[in-house]
């Protein structure tokens, strides 16, 4: 969710609904199957960092009840999913190797945010960091899906909701850029475009599996 609601449009509303749906789909998948197999804990940890960094303004900024509800839902849902994977259903967790590799995602985004941010203060630094990190946070999940022979329907629907949310929010940002002269957030637009590109292969194989009526599989190079 952006820092301000601005003038709400259909892209933003549809994107928010898909983002919310992604949490419900994933929580439903884990709790009903009593298994977190195929769900990346690494990606959830990265998303937790994204939301905590971006929504630090919840400590003092309550100008929009809509944004407050959305932000709290994203943060609490992500930490609940981490709890399900790392504690409640730990025995079913997929092997993702060393978690030190998370630094390969975090450190470059940290450096980028030091040099490319909107203003030179801690809040804007954290805001920029969150967008850079969000652009790559899904990669561990996609890598895990690559190593899965048959991807569960609910897991692929979760990723599809995230991918569609990002594509719609990219459209929202471009729409606002064209219709609101004061709206210029290149960090948001560029990082959103990169994130959408990361999802492109997934979109292709997701659509292919639907059209052919078979289980989805990702190639070993994504």
Protein backbone atom coordinates (compact mmCIF):
# COMPACT_ATOMS: atom_id res chain seq x y z
CA UNK A 1 0.00 0.00 0.00
CA UNK A 2 1.32 3.45 -0.85
CA UNK A 3 2.08 6.12 1.67
CA UNK A 4 -1.14 7.96 0.96
CA UNK A 5 -4.45 6.95 -0.48
CA UNK A 6 -4.48 9.86 -2.91
CA UNK A 7 -7.46 9.53 -5.23
CA UNK A 8 -8.51 5.90 -4.99
CA UNK A 9 -8.80 4.17 -8.33
CA UNK A 10 -9.83 0.75 -9.57
CA UNK A 11 -6.21 -0.44 -9.92
CA UNK A 12 -5.39 0.33 -6.30
CA UNK A 13 -8.61 -1.18 -4.91
CA UNK A 14 -8.31 -4.36 -7.00
CA UNK A 15 -4.62 -4.63 -6.09
CA UNK A 16 -5.34 -4.30 -2.37
CA UNK A 17 -8.05 -6.97 -2.56
CA UNK A 18 -5.69 -9.36 -4.34
CA UNK A 19 -2.96 -8.66 -1.79
CA UNK A 20 -5.36 -9.42 1.04
CA UNK A 21 -6.49 -12.56 -0.78
CA UNK A 22 -2.90 -13.80 -1.00
CA UNK A 23 -2.65 -13.88 2.81
CA UNK A 24 -5.97 -15.66 3.22
CA UNK A 25 -5.11 -18.21 0.53
CA UNK A 26 -1.73 -19.02 2.07
CA UNK A 27 -3.03 -19.23 5.66
CA UNK A 28 -5.91 -21.42 4.48
CA UNK A 29 -3.50 -23.69 2.59
CA UNK A 30 -1.21 -24.16 5.61
CA UNK A 31 -3.90 -24.60 8.27
CA UNK A 32 -6.21 -26.92 6.33
CA UNK A 33 -3.41 -29.20 5.16
CA UNK A 34 -1.48 -28.92 8.44
CA UNK A 35 1.60 -28.52 6.27
CA UNK A 36 3.78 -25.65 5.09
CA UNK A 37 5.55 -27.72 2.45
CA UNK A 38 6.26 -25.65 -0.65
CA UNK A 39 6.01 -22.34 1.22
CA UNK A 40 9.23 -20.35 1.55
CA UNK A 41 10.07 -19.14 5.04
CA UNK A 42 12.83 -17.03 3.50
CA UNK A 43 10.30 -15.10 1.42
CA UNK A 44 8.06 -14.55 4.45
CA UNK A 45 11.00 -13.22 6.48
CA UNK A 46 11.86 -10.81 3.67
CA UNK A 47 8.23 -9.67 3.42
CA UNK A 48 8.20 -9.11 7.19
CA UNK A 49 11.23 -6.83 6.80
CA UNK A 50 9.48 -5.05 3.93
CA UNK A 51 6.33 -4.31 5.92
CA UNK A 52 8.06 -3.36 9.17
CA UNK A 53 10.36 -0.96 7.29
CA UNK A 54 7.62 0.59 5.18
CA UNK A 55 4.95 0.88 7.83
CA UNK A 56 7.02 2.29 10.70
CA UNK A 57 4.78 5.37 10.37
CA UNK A 58 2.01 3.37 12.07
CA UNK A 59 3.60 4.55 15.30
CA UNK A 60 2.39 8.11 14.68
CA UNK A 61 0.49 8.39 11.40
CA UNK A 62 -3.20 7.42 11.56
CA UNK A 63 -4.60 9.86 8.97
CA UNK A 64 -6.36 7.12 6.99
CA UNK A 65 -8.29 4.28 8.62
CA UNK A 66 -8.18 2.41 5.32
CA UNK A 67 -4.36 2.44 5.24
CA UNK A 68 -4.08 1.63 8.94
CA UNK A 69 -6.26 -1.47 8.55
CA UNK A 70 -4.38 -2.58 5.45
CA UNK A 71 -0.95 -2.06 6.98
CA UNK A 72 -1.82 -3.84 10.23
CA UNK A 73 -3.34 -6.74 8.29
CA UNK A 74 -0.23 -7.15 6.13
CA UNK A 75 2.15 -7.02 9.11
CA UNK A 76 0.15 -9.31 11.42
CA UNK A 77 -0.68 -11.82 8.67
CA UNK A 78 2.97 -12.10 7.65
CA UNK A 79 4.16 -12.72 11.20
CA UNK A 80 1.35 -15.25 11.69
CA UNK A 81 2.50 -17.12 8.57
CA UNK A 82 6.08 -17.08 9.91
CA UNK A 83 4.77 -18.55 13.18
CA UNK A 84 2.96 -21.31 11.29
CA UNK A 85 6.06 -22.23 9.28
CA UNK A 86 8.77 -21.78 11.89
CA UNK A 87 6.92 -23.21 14.89
CA UNK A 88 3.51 -24.83 14.52
CA UNK A 89 4.21 -26.84 11.35
CA UNK A 90 8.00 -26.81 11.52
CA UNK A 91 8.27 -30.57 10.83
CA UNK A 92 6.66 -30.07 7.40
CA UNK A 93 8.86 -27.13 6.36
CA UNK A 94 10.65 -27.41 3.04
CA UNK A 95 14.45 -27.41 3.10
CA UNK A 96 15.73 -24.07 1.77
CA UNK A 97 19.36 -24.36 2.79
CA UNK A 98 21.21 -21.76 4.83
CA UNK A 99 19.35 -18.63 5.87
CA UNK A 100 22.61 -16.66 5.63
CA UNK A 101 21.74 -16.32 1.93
CA UNK A 102 19.05 -13.81 2.96
CA UNK A 103 21.90 -11.31 3.27
CA UNK A 104 22.37 -11.50 -0.52
CA UNK A 105 18.91 -9.92 -0.82
CA UNK A 106 19.05 -7.57 2.18
CA UNK A 107 22.53 -6.04 1.90
CA UNK A 108 22.31 -4.76 -1.73
CA UNK A 109 18.89 -3.24 -1.01
CA UNK A 110 20.31 -1.61 2.11
CA UNK A 111 23.14 -0.05 0.10
CA UNK A 112 20.78 1.13 -2.65
CA UNK A 113 18.53 2.82 -0.10
CA UNK A 114 21.49 4.73 1.32
CA UNK A 115 22.22 6.36 -2.04
CA UNK A 116 18.80 6.44 -3.70
CA UNK A 117 15.98 7.71 -1.51
CA UNK A 118 13.45 10.52 -1.57
CA UNK A 119 14.84 12.46 1.41
CA UNK A 120 17.83 12.06 3.70
CA UNK A 121 16.12 10.87 6.88
CA UNK A 122 15.61 7.51 8.55
CA UNK A 123 11.92 7.13 7.64
CA UNK A 124 12.53 7.77 3.94
CA UNK A 125 15.57 5.49 4.01
CA UNK A 126 13.44 2.65 5.44
CA UNK A 127 10.68 3.40 2.92
CA UNK A 128 13.10 3.15 -0.02
CA UNK A 129 14.70 0.01 1.45
CA UNK A 130 11.27 -1.65 1.66
CA UNK A 131 10.56 -1.14 -2.05
CA UNK A 132 13.97 -2.37 -3.16
CA UNK A 133 13.63 -5.47 -0.96
CA UNK A 134 10.05 -6.17 -2.02
CA UNK A 135 11.19 -6.33 -5.66
CA UNK A 136 13.26 -9.44 -4.90
CA UNK A 137 11.50 -10.91 -1.84
CA UNK A 138 9.51 -13.44 -3.90
CA UNK A 139 12.64 -15.00 -5.46
CA UNK A 140 13.21 -17.61 -2.68
CA UNK A 141 9.59 -18.72 -3.12
CA UNK A 142 10.05 -19.09 -6.88
CA UNK A 143 13.28 -21.02 -6.36
CA UNK A 144 11.49 -23.37 -3.97
CA UNK A 145 8.70 -23.90 -6.51
CA UNK A 146 11.31 -24.74 -9.15
CA UNK A 147 12.40 -27.68 -7.03
CA UNK A 148 8.85 -28.92 -6.52
CA UNK A 149 7.68 -31.66 -8.89
CA UNK A 150 4.02 -30.68 -8.63
CA UNK A 151 3.01 -27.32 -7.21
CA UNK A 152 -0.10 -27.35 -5.03
CA UNK A 153 -3.02 -25.37 -6.44
CA UNK A 154 -3.35 -23.14 -3.37
CA UNK A 155 0.38 -22.36 -3.35
CA UNK A 156 0.35 -21.34 -7.01
CA UNK A 157 -2.81 -19.30 -6.41
CA UNK A 158 -1.03 -17.51 -3.57
CA UNK A 159 1.84 -16.52 -5.86
CA UNK A 160 -0.63 -15.58 -8.60
CA UNK A 161 -2.46 -13.22 -6.20
CA UNK A 162 0.86 -11.57 -5.29
CA UNK A 163 1.92 -11.26 -8.93
CA UNK A 164 -1.44 -9.81 -9.98
CA UNK A 165 -1.43 -7.40 -7.05
CA UNK A 166 1.97 -6.09 -8.08
CA UNK A 167 0.96 -5.73 -11.74
CA UNK A 168 -2.18 -3.81 -10.74
CA UNK A 169 -0.25 -1.57 -8.37
CA UNK A 170 2.22 -0.81 -11.13
CA UNK A 171 -0.76 0.26 -13.25
CA UNK A 172 -2.00 2.31 -10.28
CA UNK A 173 1.32 4.14 -9.99
CA UNK A 174 1.44 4.94 -13.69
CA UNK A 175 -2.20 6.09 -13.57
CA UNK A 176 -1.45 8.41 -10.65
CA UNK A 177 1.70 9.67 -12.38
CA UNK A 178 -0.40 10.60 -15.44
CA UNK A 179 -3.30 12.13 -13.51
CA UNK A 180 -1.61 13.67 -10.43
CA UNK A 181 1.14 16.16 -11.41
CA UNK A 182 2.64 16.10 -7.89
CA UNK A 183 2.89 12.30 -7.81
CA UNK A 184 6.47 11.43 -8.79
CA UNK A 185 7.85 8.32 -7.06
CA UNK A 186 10.47 6.80 -9.35
CA UNK A 187 11.66 4.42 -6.65
CA UNK A 188 8.18 2.95 -6.41
CA UNK A 189 7.65 2.69 -10.16
CA UNK A 190 11.06 1.26 -11.06
CA UNK A 191 11.14 -1.28 -8.22
CA UNK A 192 7.53 -2.25 -9.01
CA UNK A 193 8.43 -2.78 -12.67
CA UNK A 194 11.38 -5.00 -11.70
CA UNK A 195 9.18 -7.01 -9.36
CA UNK A 196 6.58 -7.49 -12.11
CA UNK A 197 9.32 -8.73 -14.47
CA UNK A 198 10.40 -11.27 -11.82
CA UNK A 199 6.87 -12.69 -11.96
CA UNK A 200 6.70 -12.88 -15.76
CA UNK A 201 7.79 -16.52 -16.10
CA UNK A 202 5.41 -17.51 -13.35
CA UNK A 203 2.52 -15.80 -15.16
CA UNK A 204 3.37 -17.70 -18.35
CA UNK A 205 3.55 -21.16 -16.78
CA UNK A 206 0.52 -20.47 -14.57
CA UNK A 207 -1.60 -19.60 -17.62
CA UNK A 208 -0.20 -22.57 -19.55
CA UNK A 209 -1.14 -25.00 -16.77
CA UNK A 210 -4.70 -23.59 -16.63
CA UNK A 211 -5.18 -23.81 -20.39
CA UNK A 212 -3.85 -27.37 -20.55
CA UNK A 213 -5.66 -28.49 -17.39
CA UNK A 214 -2.58 -29.90 -15.67
CA UNK A 215 -0.47 -29.31 -12.58
CA UNK A 216 1.85 -26.34 -12.79
CA UNK A 217 5.61 -26.83 -13.01
CA UNK A 218 8.36 -24.24 -13.28
CA UNK A 219 11.55 -24.80 -15.30
CA UNK A 220 14.87 -25.06 -13.46
CA UNK A 221 15.93 -21.63 -14.76
CA UNK A 222 13.55 -18.77 -13.99
